[in-house]
Amino acid sequence: MAHGAGFYDVVRRDAAFAVCFDEAMGSDSRFVSEIVVREYGEVLAGVTSLVDVGGHNGTTARAIARAFPHVRCSVLDLPRVVDAMPADDTVEFVAGDMRVHPSG
């Protein structure tokens, strides 16, 4: 990106850009989650927990949790994203930075 700044540095610094980025990611998730659940459900047959890293508003995690109730779903995303999410019984939201947490 410009002036040595990484993409996520720009997202963090530019609130208007962050909103556009968040909306784009949410739109993509709605489309992709339907395909994942419909076409690749057998992959989740033996899975008991799943973390959607950078999962934004939990669209994909919620779709998986609804279709596969045996899978415990969590979303790891930035605090600003997690703080804006309403409480949800099907998905746990965890605030963190995927570039930092979990380490190793």
PDB file of N, CA and C in Angstrom:
ATOM      1  N   MET A   1       0.845  -1.172   0.000  1.00  0.00           N
ATOM      2  CA  MET A   1       0.000   0.000   0.000  1.00  0.00           C
ATOM      3  C   MET A   1       0.895   1.242   0.000  1.00  0.00           C
ATOM      4  N   ALA A   2       0.290   2.375  -0.061  1.00  0.00           N
ATOM      5  CA  ALA A   2       1.015   3.636  -0.188  1.00  0.00           C
ATOM      6  C   ALA A   2       1.828   3.972   1.050  1.00  0.00           C
ATOM      7  N   HIS A   3       2.992   4.528   0.818  1.00  0.00           N
ATOM      8  CA  HIS A   3       3.846   5.062   1.880  1.00  0.00           C
ATOM      9  C   HIS A   3       4.236   4.019   2.917  1.00  0.00           C
ATOM     10  N   GLY A   4       4.390   2.791   2.492  1.00  0.00           N
ATOM     11  CA  GLY A   4       4.853   1.745   3.401  1.00  0.00           C
ATOM     12  C   GLY A   4       3.803   1.217   4.361  1.00  0.00           C
ATOM     13  N   ALA A   5       2.584   1.679   4.245  1.00  0.00           N
ATOM     14  CA  ALA A   5       1.518   1.205   5.135  1.00  0.00           C
ATOM     15  C   ALA A   5       0.908  -0.064   4.553  1.00  0.00           C
ATOM     16  N   GLY A   6       0.656  -1.040   5.398  1.00  0.00           N
ATOM     17  CA  GLY A   6      -0.013  -2.257   4.969  1.00  0.00           C
ATOM     18  C   GLY A   6      -1.510  -2.038   4.830  1.00  0.00           C
ATOM     19  N   PHE A   7      -2.164  -2.977   4.188  1.00  0.00           N
ATOM     20  CA  PHE A   7      -3.598  -2.861   3.950  1.00  0.00           C
ATOM     21  C   PHE A   7      -4.378  -2.653   5.245  1.00  0.00           C
ATOM     22  N   TYR A   8      -4.119  -3.487   6.242  1.00  0.00           N
ATOM     23  CA  TYR A   8      -4.872  -3.381   7.497  1.00  0.00           C
ATOM     24  C   TYR A   8      -4.511  -2.125   8.285  1.00  0.00           C
ATOM     25  N   ASP A   9      -3.330  -1.558   8.039  1.00  0.00           N
ATOM     26  CA  ASP A   9      -3.000  -0.263   8.644  1.00  0.00           C
ATOM     27  C   ASP A   9      -3.924   0.816   8.086  1.00  0.00           C
ATOM     28  N   VAL A  10      -4.188   0.744   6.786  1.00  0.00           N
ATOM     29  CA  VAL A  10      -5.092   1.709   6.156  1.00  0.00           C
ATOM     30  C   VAL A  10      -6.511   1.526   6.700  1.00  0.00           C
ATOM     31  N   VAL A  11      -6.955   0.288   6.832  1.00  0.00           N
ATOM     32  CA  VAL A  11      -8.295   0.022   7.381  1.00  0.00           C
ATOM     33  C   VAL A  11      -8.408   0.596   8.787  1.00  0.00           C
ATOM     34  N   ARG A  12      -7.366   0.413   9.582  1.00  0.00           N
ATOM     35  CA  ARG A  12      -7.399   0.886  10.968  1.00  0.00           C
ATOM     36  C   ARG A  12      -7.417   2.412  11.042  1.00  0.00           C
ATOM     37  N   ARG A  13      -6.744   3.075  10.124  1.00  0.00           N
ATOM     38  CA  ARG A  13      -6.622   4.539  10.194  1.00  0.00           C
ATOM     39  C   ARG A  13      -7.749   5.303   9.510  1.00  0.00           C
ATOM     40  N   ASP A  14      -8.410   4.692   8.552  1.00  0.00           N
ATOM     41  CA  ASP A  14      -9.410   5.397   7.749  1.00  0.00           C
ATOM     42  C   ASP A  14     -10.796   4.813   8.035  1.00  0.00           C
ATOM     43  N   ALA A  15     -11.563   5.500   8.866  1.00  0.00           N
ATOM     44  CA  ALA A  15     -12.866   4.989   9.307  1.00  0.00           C
ATOM     45  C   ALA A  15     -13.822   4.762   8.137  1.00  0.00           C
ATOM     46  N   ALA A  16     -13.845   5.667   7.166  1.00  0.00           N
ATOM     47  CA  ALA A  16     -14.748   5.514   6.022  1.00  0.00           C
ATOM     48  C   ALA A  16     -14.363   4.291   5.191  1.00  0.00           C
ATOM     49  N   PHE A  17     -13.070   4.094   4.997  1.00  0.00           N
ATOM     50  CA  PHE A  17     -12.597   2.922   4.261  1.00  0.00           C
ATOM     51  C   PHE A  17     -12.921   1.651   5.038  1.00  0.00           C
ATOM     52  N   ALA A  18     -12.786   1.700   6.353  1.00  0.00           N
ATOM     53  CA  ALA A  18     -13.084   0.535   7.196  1.00  0.00           C
ATOM     54  C   ALA A  18     -14.545   0.121   7.054  1.00  0.00           C
ATOM     55  N   VAL A  19     -15.449   1.084   7.008  1.00  0.00           N
ATOM     56  CA  VAL A  19     -16.873   0.782   6.846  1.00  0.00           C
ATOM     57  C   VAL A  19     -17.113   0.103   5.497  1.00  0.00           C
ATOM     58  N   CYS A  20     -16.518   0.639   4.434  1.00  0.00           N
ATOM     59  CA  CYS A  20     -16.665   0.029   3.104  1.00  0.00           C
ATOM     60  C   CYS A  20     -16.104  -1.387   3.083  1.00  0.00           C
ATOM     61  N   PHE A  21     -14.945  -1.565   3.691  1.00  0.00           N
ATOM     62  CA  PHE A  21     -14.310  -2.881   3.747  1.00  0.00           C
ATOM     63  C   PHE A  21     -15.195  -3.864   4.513  1.00  0.00           C
ATOM     64  N   ASP A  22     -15.716  -3.438   5.666  1.00  0.00           N
ATOM     65  CA  ASP A  22     -16.584  -4.300   6.471  1.00  0.00           C
ATOM     66  C   ASP A  22     -17.834  -4.714   5.695  1.00  0.00           C
ATOM     67  N   GLU A  23     -18.442  -3.765   4.982  1.00  0.00           N
ATOM     68  CA  GLU A  23     -19.641  -4.071   4.204  1.00  0.00           C
ATOM     69  C   GLU A  23     -19.336  -5.052   3.077  1.00  0.00           C
ATOM     70  N   ALA A  24     -18.202  -4.863   2.430  1.00  0.00           N
ATOM     71  CA  ALA A  24     -17.808  -5.772   1.348  1.00  0.00           C
ATOM     72  C   ALA A  24     -17.568  -7.179   1.876  1.00  0.00           C
ATOM     73  N   MET A  25     -16.899  -7.288   3.010  1.00  0.00           N
ATOM     74  CA  MET A  25     -16.626  -8.599   3.592  1.00  0.00           C
ATOM     75  C   MET A  25     -17.923  -9.284   4.018  1.00  0.00           C
ATOM     76  N   GLY A  26     -18.852  -8.519   4.570  1.00  0.00           N
ATOM     77  CA  GLY A  26     -20.136  -9.083   4.970  1.00  0.00           C
ATOM     78  C   GLY A  26     -20.934  -9.586   3.780  1.00  0.00           C
ATOM     79  N   SER A  27     -20.914  -8.840   2.694  1.00  0.00           N
ATOM     80  CA  SER A  27     -21.623  -9.238   1.481  1.00  0.00           C
ATOM     81  C   SER A  27     -21.042 -10.524   0.914  1.00  0.00           C
ATOM     82  N   ASP A  28     -19.733 -10.613   0.881  1.00  0.00           N
ATOM     83  CA  ASP A  28     -19.059 -11.809   0.389  1.00  0.00           C
ATOM     84  C   ASP A  28     -19.397 -13.011   1.269  1.00  0.00           C
ATOM     85  N   SER A  29     -19.444 -12.804   2.564  1.00  0.00           N
ATOM     86  CA  SER A  29     -19.736 -13.897   3.500  1.00  0.00           C
ATOM     87  C   SER A  29     -21.122 -14.486   3.283  1.00  0.00           C
ATOM     88  N   ARG A  30     -22.102 -13.649   3.001  1.00  0.00           N
ATOM     89  CA  ARG A  30     -23.465 -14.152   2.774  1.00  0.00           C
ATOM     90  C   ARG A  30     -23.486 -15.104   1.578  1.00  0.00           C
ATOM     91  N   PHE A  31     -22.807 -14.732   0.522  1.00  0.00           N
ATOM     92  CA  PHE A  31     -22.760 -15.551  -0.686  1.00  0.00           C
ATOM     93  C   PHE A  31     -21.998 -16.852  -0.441  1.00  0.00           C
ATOM     94  N   VAL A  32     -20.818 -16.740   0.132  1.00  0.00           N
ATOM     95  CA  VAL A  32     -19.947 -17.898   0.328  1.00  0.00           C
ATOM     96  C   VAL A  32     -20.515 -18.874   1.353  1.00  0.00           C
ATOM     97  N   SER A  33     -21.126 -18.370   2.424  1.00  0.00           N
ATOM     98  CA  SER A  33     -21.615 -19.274   3.476  1.00  0.00           C
ATOM     99  C   SER A  33     -22.676 -20.234   2.955  1.00  0.00           C
ATOM    100  N   GLU A  34     -23.531 -19.774   2.060  1.00  0.00           N
ATOM    101  CA  GLU A  34     -24.542 -20.654   1.476  1.00  0.00           C
ATOM    102  C   GLU A  34     -23.892 -21.799   0.706  1.00  0.00           C
ATOM    103  N   ILE A  35     -22.850 -21.485  -0.035  1.00  0.00           N
ATOM    104  CA  ILE A  35     -22.143 -22.501  -0.820  1.00  0.00           C
ATOM    105  C   ILE A  35     -21.425 -23.484   0.094  1.00  0.00           C
ATOM    106  N   VAL A  36     -20.767 -22.973   1.120  1.00  0.00           N
ATOM    107  CA  VAL A  36     -20.032 -23.839   2.051  1.00  0.00           C
ATOM    108  C   VAL A  36     -20.974 -24.846   2.698  1.00  0.00           C
ATOM    109  N   VAL A  37     -22.080 -24.377   3.200  1.00  0.00           N
ATOM    110  CA  VAL A  37     -23.032 -25.260   3.887  1.00  0.00           C
ATOM    111  C   VAL A  37     -23.641 -26.273   2.915  1.00  0.00           C
ATOM    112  N   ARG A  38     -23.983 -25.822   1.736  1.00  0.00           N
ATOM    113  CA  ARG A  38     -24.647 -26.696   0.762  1.00  0.00           C
ATOM    114  C   ARG A  38     -23.691 -27.704   0.121  1.00  0.00           C
ATOM    115  N   GLU A  39     -22.512 -27.253  -0.267  1.00  0.00           N
ATOM    116  CA  GLU A  39     -21.615 -28.088  -1.067  1.00  0.00           C
ATOM    117  C   GLU A  39     -20.524 -28.808  -0.282  1.00  0.00           C
ATOM    118  N   TYR A  40     -20.177 -28.303   0.893  1.00  0.00           N
ATOM    119  CA  TYR A  40     -19.033 -28.865   1.611  1.00  0.00           C
ATOM    120  C   TYR A  40     -19.372 -29.304   3.031  1.00  0.00           C
ATOM    121  N   GLY A  41     -20.623 -29.559   3.276  1.00  0.00           N
ATOM    122  CA  GLY A  41     -21.065 -29.958   4.604  1.00  0.00           C
ATOM    123  C   GLY A  41     -20.394 -31.206   5.132  1.00  0.00           C
ATOM    124  N   GLU A  42     -20.049 -32.135   4.245  1.00  0.00           N
ATOM    125  CA  GLU A  42     -19.413 -33.376   4.700  1.00  0.00           C
ATOM    126  C   GLU A  42     -18.073 -33.111   5.373  1.00  0.00           C
ATOM    127  N   VAL A  43     -17.436 -32.021   5.037  1.00  0.00           N
ATOM    128  CA  VAL A  43     -16.162 -31.651   5.664  1.00  0.00           C
ATOM    129  C   VAL A  43     -16.367 -31.379   7.154  1.00  0.00           C
ATOM    130  N   LEU A  44     -17.537 -30.885   7.517  1.00  0.00           N
ATOM    131  CA  LEU A  44     -17.821 -30.520   8.899  1.00  0.00           C
ATOM    132  C   LEU A  44     -18.395 -31.665   9.728  1.00  0.00           C
ATOM    133  N   ALA A  45     -18.577 -32.819   9.135  1.00  0.00           N
ATOM    134  CA  ALA A  45     -19.204 -33.945   9.835  1.00  0.00           C
ATOM    135  C   ALA A  45     -18.469 -34.320  11.115  1.00  0.00           C
ATOM    136  N   GLY A  46     -17.152 -34.355  11.101  1.00  0.00           N
ATOM    137  CA  GLY A  46     -16.384 -34.746  12.282  1.00  0.00           C
ATOM    138  C   GLY A  46     -15.839 -33.586  13.087  1.00  0.00           C
ATOM    139  N   VAL A  47     -16.187 -32.379  12.701  1.00  0.00           N
ATOM    140  CA  VAL A  47     -15.689 -31.180  13.375  1.00  0.00           C
ATOM    141  C   VAL A  47     -16.587 -30.861  14.564  1.00  0.00           C
ATOM    142  N   THR A  48     -15.975 -30.533  15.710  1.00  0.00           N
ATOM    143  CA  THR A  48     -16.773 -30.170  16.884  1.00  0.00           C
ATOM    144  C   THR A  48     -16.673 -28.690  17.224  1.00  0.00           C
ATOM    145  N   SER A  49     -15.616 -28.032  16.742  1.00  0.00           N
ATOM    146  CA  SER A  49     -15.494 -26.587  16.972  1.00  0.00           C
ATOM    147  C   SER A  49     -14.797 -25.948  15.784  1.00  0.00           C
ATOM    148  N   LEU A  50     -15.101 -24.677  15.586  1.00  0.00           N
ATOM    149  CA  LEU A  50     -14.593 -23.953  14.436  1.00  0.00           C
ATOM    150  C   LEU A  50     -14.392 -22.497  14.831  1.00  0.00           C
ATOM    151  N   VAL A  51     -13.273 -21.906  14.413  1.00  0.00           N
ATOM    152  CA  VAL A  51     -13.032 -20.481  14.622  1.00  0.00           C
ATOM    153  C   VAL A  51     -12.952 -19.821  13.257  1.00  0.00           C
ATOM    154  N   ASP A  52     -13.810 -18.859  13.021  1.00  0.00           N
ATOM    155  CA  ASP A  52     -13.794 -18.078  11.790  1.00  0.00           C
ATOM    156  C   ASP A  52     -12.916 -16.862  12.056  1.00  0.00           C
ATOM    157  N   VAL A  53     -11.684 -16.924  11.608  1.00  0.00           N
ATOM    158  CA  VAL A  53     -10.714 -15.851  11.856  1.00  0.00           C
ATOM    159  C   VAL A  53     -11.001 -14.712  10.883  1.00  0.00           C
ATOM    160  N   GLY A  54     -11.247 -13.532  11.452  1.00  0.00           N
ATOM    161  CA  GLY A  54     -11.628 -12.389  10.632  1.00  0.00           C
ATOM    162  C   GLY A  54     -13.055 -12.545  10.125  1.00  0.00           C
ATOM    163  N   GLY A  55     -13.891 -13.202  10.927  1.00  0.00           N
ATOM    164  CA  GLY A  55     -15.249 -13.570  10.516  1.00  0.00           C
ATOM    165  C   GLY A  55     -16.278 -12.464  10.561  1.00  0.00           C
ATOM    166  N   HIS A  56     -15.851 -11.242  10.817  1.00  0.00           N
ATOM    167  CA  HIS A  56     -16.695 -10.044  10.794  1.00  0.00           C
ATOM    168  C   HIS A  56     -17.966 -10.237  11.617  1.00  0.00           C
ATOM    169  N   ASN A  57     -19.124 -10.203  10.975  1.00  0.00           N
ATOM    170  CA  ASN A  57     -20.383 -10.229  11.725  1.00  0.00           C
ATOM    171  C   ASN A  57     -20.903 -11.639  11.999  1.00  0.00           C
ATOM    172  N   GLY A  58     -20.099 -12.643  11.677  1.00  0.00           N
ATOM    173  CA  GLY A  58     -20.468 -14.014  11.998  1.00  0.00           C
ATOM    174  C   GLY A  58     -21.418 -14.678  11.026  1.00  0.00           C
ATOM    175  N   THR A  59     -21.591 -14.104   9.849  1.00  0.00           N
ATOM    176  CA  THR A  59     -22.522 -14.670   8.873  1.00  0.00           C
ATOM    177  C   THR A  59     -22.192 -16.124   8.554  1.00  0.00           C
ATOM    178  N   THR A  60     -20.937 -16.399   8.259  1.00  0.00           N
ATOM    179  CA  THR A  60     -20.540 -17.762   7.909  1.00  0.00           C
ATOM    180  C   THR A  60     -20.634 -18.675   9.122  1.00  0.00           C
ATOM    181  N   ALA A  61     -20.148 -18.210  10.264  1.00  0.00           N
ATOM    182  CA  ALA A  61     -20.204 -19.021  11.482  1.00  0.00           C
ATOM    183  C   ALA A  61     -21.650 -19.333  11.861  1.00  0.00           C
ATOM    184  N   ARG A  62     -22.540 -18.368  11.736  1.00  0.00           N
ATOM    185  CA  ARG A  62     -23.958 -18.602  12.049  1.00  0.00           C
ATOM    186  C   ARG A  62     -24.580 -19.621  11.097  1.00  0.00           C
ATOM    187  N   ALA A  63     -24.258 -19.508   9.813  1.00  0.00           N
ATOM    188  CA  ALA A  63     -24.797 -20.459   8.831  1.00  0.00           C
ATOM    189  C   ALA A  63     -24.333 -21.876   9.153  1.00  0.00           C
ATOM    190  N   ILE A  64     -23.072 -22.017   9.522  1.00  0.00           N
ATOM    191  CA  ILE A  64     -22.536 -23.331   9.880  1.00  0.00           C
ATOM    192  C   ILE A  64     -23.194 -23.837  11.162  1.00  0.00           C
ATOM    193  N   ALA A  65     -23.328 -22.969  12.162  1.00  0.00           N
ATOM    194  CA  ALA A  65     -23.938 -23.373  13.435  1.00  0.00           C
ATOM    195  C   ALA A  65     -25.395 -23.807  13.252  1.00  0.00           C
ATOM    196  N   ARG A  66     -26.117 -23.121  12.373  1.00  0.00           N
ATOM    197  CA  ARG A  66     -27.516 -23.500  12.106  1.00  0.00           C
ATOM    198  C   ARG A  66     -27.600 -24.846  11.386  1.00  0.00           C
ATOM    199  N   ALA A  67     -26.742 -25.032  10.399  1.00  0.00           N
ATOM    200  CA  ALA A  67     -26.795 -26.258   9.596  1.00  0.00           C
ATOM    201  C   ALA A  67     -26.189 -27.463  10.319  1.00  0.00           C
ATOM    202  N   PHE A  68     -25.236 -27.192  11.215  1.00  0.00           N
ATOM    203  CA  PHE A  68     -24.518 -28.260  11.920  1.00  0.00           C
ATOM    204  C   PHE A  68     -24.478 -27.930  13.411  1.00  0.00           C
ATOM    205  N   PRO A  69     -25.568 -28.168  14.128  1.00  0.00           N
ATOM    206  CA  PRO A  69     -25.663 -27.778  15.533  1.00  0.00           C
ATOM    207  C   PRO A  69     -24.601 -28.399  16.438  1.00  0.00           C
ATOM    208  N   HIS A  70     -23.958 -29.470  15.993  1.00  0.00           N
ATOM    209  CA  HIS A  70     -22.910 -30.102  16.803  1.00  0.00           C
ATOM    210  C   HIS A  70     -21.590 -29.322  16.757  1.00  0.00           C
ATOM    211  N   VAL A  71     -21.484 -28.346  15.854  1.00  0.00           N
ATOM    212  CA  VAL A  71     -20.251 -27.562  15.718  1.00  0.00           C
ATOM    213  C   VAL A  71     -20.367 -26.287  16.554  1.00  0.00           C
ATOM    214  N   ARG A  72     -19.444 -26.111  17.491  1.00  0.00           N
ATOM    215  CA  ARG A  72     -19.383 -24.894  18.315  1.00  0.00           C
ATOM    216  C   ARG A  72     -18.579 -23.860  17.534  1.00  0.00           C
ATOM    217  N   CYS A  73     -19.204 -22.756  17.166  1.00  0.00           N
ATOM    218  CA  CYS A  73     -18.575 -21.753  16.303  1.00  0.00           C
ATOM    219  C   CYS A  73     -18.193 -20.496  17.075  1.00  0.00           C
ATOM    220  N   SER A  74     -17.000 -19.987  16.755  1.00  0.00           N
ATOM    221  CA  SER A  74     -16.506 -18.725  17.314  1.00  0.00           C
ATOM    222  C   SER A  74     -16.019 -17.852  16.170  1.00  0.00           C
ATOM    223  N   VAL A  75     -16.049 -16.553  16.399  1.00  0.00           N
ATOM    224  CA  VAL A  75     -15.522 -15.586  15.442  1.00  0.00           C
ATOM    225  C   VAL A  75     -14.461 -14.762  16.144  1.00  0.00           C
ATOM    226  N   LEU A  76     -13.277 -14.699  15.559  1.00  0.00           N
ATOM    227  CA  LEU A  76     -12.207 -13.829  16.042  1.00  0.00           C
ATOM    228  C   LEU A  76     -12.127 -12.647  15.098  1.00  0.00           C
ATOM    229  N   ASP A  77     -12.349 -11.456  15.626  1.00  0.00           N
ATOM    230  CA  ASP A  77     -12.225 -10.250  14.809  1.00  0.00           C
ATOM    231  C   ASP A  77     -11.806  -9.086  15.690  1.00  0.00           C
ATOM    232  N   LEU A  78     -11.546  -7.971  15.051  1.00  0.00           N
ATOM    233  CA  LEU A  78     -11.067  -6.788  15.762  1.00  0.00           C
ATOM    234  C   LEU A  78     -12.078  -6.328  16.808  1.00  0.00           C
ATOM    235  N   PRO A  79     -11.590  -5.724  17.887  1.00  0.00           N
ATOM    236  CA  PRO A  79     -12.497  -5.247  18.937  1.00  0.00           C
ATOM    237  C   PRO A  79     -13.599  -4.332  18.408  1.00  0.00           C
ATOM    238  N   ARG A  80     -13.298  -3.454  17.464  1.00  0.00           N
ATOM    239  CA  ARG A  80     -14.323  -2.538  16.935  1.00  0.00           C
ATOM    240  C   ARG A  80     -15.440  -3.301  16.243  1.00  0.00           C
ATOM    241  N   VAL A  81     -15.120  -4.433  15.655  1.00  0.00           N
ATOM    242  CA  VAL A  81     -16.129  -5.264  14.997  1.00  0.00           C
ATOM    243  C   VAL A  81     -16.928  -6.048  16.036  1.00  0.00           C
ATOM    244  N   VAL A  82     -16.230  -6.691  16.952  1.00  0.00           N
ATOM    245  CA  VAL A  82     -16.878  -7.514  17.980  1.00  0.00           C
ATOM    246  C   VAL A  82     -17.774  -6.664  18.875  1.00  0.00           C
ATOM    247  N   ASP A  83     -17.322  -5.471  19.224  1.00  0.00           N
ATOM    248  CA  ASP A  83     -18.111  -4.595  20.095  1.00  0.00           C
ATOM    249  C   ASP A  83     -19.441  -4.192  19.467  1.00  0.00           C
ATOM    250  N   ALA A  84     -19.522  -4.211  18.145  1.00  0.00           N
ATOM    251  CA  ALA A  84     -20.746  -3.811  17.450  1.00  0.00           C
ATOM    252  C   ALA A  84     -21.726  -4.969  17.257  1.00  0.00           C
ATOM    253  N   MET A  85     -21.321  -6.180  17.621  1.00  0.00           N
ATOM    254  CA  MET A  85     -22.165  -7.355  17.411  1.00  0.00           C
ATOM    255  C   MET A  85     -23.127  -7.561  18.581  1.00  0.00           C
ATOM    256  N   PRO A  86     -24.397  -7.852  18.271  1.00  0.00           N
ATOM    257  CA  PRO A  86     -25.343  -8.166  19.346  1.00  0.00           C
ATOM    258  C   PRO A  86     -25.020  -9.536  19.940  1.00  0.00           C
ATOM    259  N   ALA A  87     -25.470  -9.770  21.143  1.00  0.00           N
ATOM    260  CA  ALA A  87     -25.271 -11.071  21.784  1.00  0.00           C
ATOM    261  C   ALA A  87     -25.919 -12.152  20.925  1.00  0.00           C
ATOM    262  N   ASP A  88     -25.290 -13.309  20.914  1.00  0.00           N
ATOM    263  CA  ASP A  88     -25.758 -14.395  20.061  1.00  0.00           C
ATOM    264  C   ASP A  88     -25.563 -15.718  20.789  1.00  0.00           C
ATOM    265  N   ASP A  89     -26.589 -16.534  20.829  1.00  0.00           N
ATOM    266  CA  ASP A  89     -26.496 -17.827  21.508  1.00  0.00           C
ATOM    267  C   ASP A  89     -25.789 -18.887  20.670  1.00  0.00           C
ATOM    268  N   THR A  90     -25.688 -18.667  19.366  1.00  0.00           N
ATOM    269  CA  THR A  90     -25.114 -19.699  18.505  1.00  0.00           C
ATOM    270  C   THR A  90     -23.640 -19.497  18.202  1.00  0.00           C
ATOM    271  N   VAL A  91     -23.147 -18.271  18.319  1.00  0.00           N
ATOM    272  CA  VAL A  91     -21.764 -17.951  17.957  1.00  0.00           C
ATOM    273  C   VAL A  91     -21.129 -17.126  19.062  1.00  0.00           C
ATOM    274  N   GLU A  92     -19.897 -17.475  19.425  1.00  0.00           N
ATOM    275  CA  GLU A  92     -19.137 -16.689  20.402  1.00  0.00           C
ATOM    276  C   GLU A  92     -18.227 -15.730  19.637  1.00  0.00           C
ATOM    277  N   PHE A  93     -18.262 -14.455  20.003  1.00  0.00           N
ATOM    278  CA  PHE A  93     -17.388 -13.458  19.386  1.00  0.00           C
ATOM    279  C   PHE A  93     -16.218 -13.175  20.317  1.00  0.00           C
ATOM    280  N   VAL A  94     -15.018 -13.216  19.752  1.00  0.00           N
ATOM    281  CA  VAL A  94     -13.793 -12.998  20.512  1.00  0.00           C
ATOM    282  C   VAL A  94     -13.042 -11.838  19.874  1.00  0.00           C
ATOM    283  N   ALA A  95     -12.731 -10.823  20.688  1.00  0.00           N
ATOM    284  CA  ALA A  95     -11.994  -9.664  20.185  1.00  0.00           C
ATOM    285  C   ALA A  95     -10.507  -9.977  20.138  1.00  0.00           C
ATOM    286  N   GLY A  96      -9.896  -9.687  19.008  1.00  0.00           N
ATOM    287  CA  GLY A  96      -8.464  -9.903  18.845  1.00  0.00           C
ATOM    288  C   GLY A  96      -8.034  -9.496  17.447  1.00  0.00           C
ATOM    289  N   ASP A  97      -6.747  -9.512  17.238  1.00  0.00           N
ATOM    290  CA  ASP A  97      -6.162  -9.150  15.945  1.00  0.00           C
ATOM    291  C   ASP A  97      -5.533 -10.403  15.354  1.00  0.00           C
ATOM    292  N   MET A  98      -5.996 -10.832  14.195  1.00  0.00           N
ATOM    293  CA  MET A  98      -5.503 -12.072  13.600  1.00  0.00           C
ATOM    294  C   MET A  98      -4.015 -12.024  13.279  1.00  0.00           C
ATOM    295  N   ARG A  99      -3.457 -10.816  13.227  1.00  0.00           N
ATOM    296  CA  ARG A  99      -2.021 -10.701  12.965  1.00  0.00           C
ATOM    297  C   ARG A  99      -1.208 -10.843  14.245  1.00  0.00           C
ATOM    298  N   VAL A 100      -1.892 -10.827  15.394  1.00  0.00           N
ATOM    299  CA  VAL A 100      -1.212 -10.894  16.683  1.00  0.00           C
ATOM    300  C   VAL A 100      -1.656 -12.106  17.497  1.00  0.00           C
ATOM    301  N   HIS A 101      -2.959 -12.403  17.481  1.00  0.00           N
ATOM    302  CA  HIS A 101      -3.537 -13.434  18.333  1.00  0.00           C
ATOM    303  C   HIS A 101      -4.248 -14.472  17.477  1.00  0.00           C
ATOM    304  N   PRO A 102      -4.112 -15.700  17.651  1.00  0.00           N
ATOM    305  CA  PRO A 102      -3.216 -16.300  18.639  1.00  0.00           C
ATOM    306  C   PRO A 102      -1.788 -16.347  18.113  1.00  0.00           C
ATOM    307  N   SER A 103      -0.848 -16.178  18.998  1.00  0.00           N
ATOM    308  CA  SER A 103       0.553 -16.210  18.587  1.00  0.00           C
ATOM    309  C   SER A 103       0.981 -17.654  18.397  1.00  0.00           C
ATOM    310  N   GLY A 104       1.951 -17.838  17.513  1.00  0.00           N
ATOM    311  CA  GLY A 104       2.493 -19.179  17.271  1.00  0.00           C
ATOM    312  C   GLY A 104       1.612 -19.914  16.378  1.00  0.00           C
TER     313      GLY A 104
END
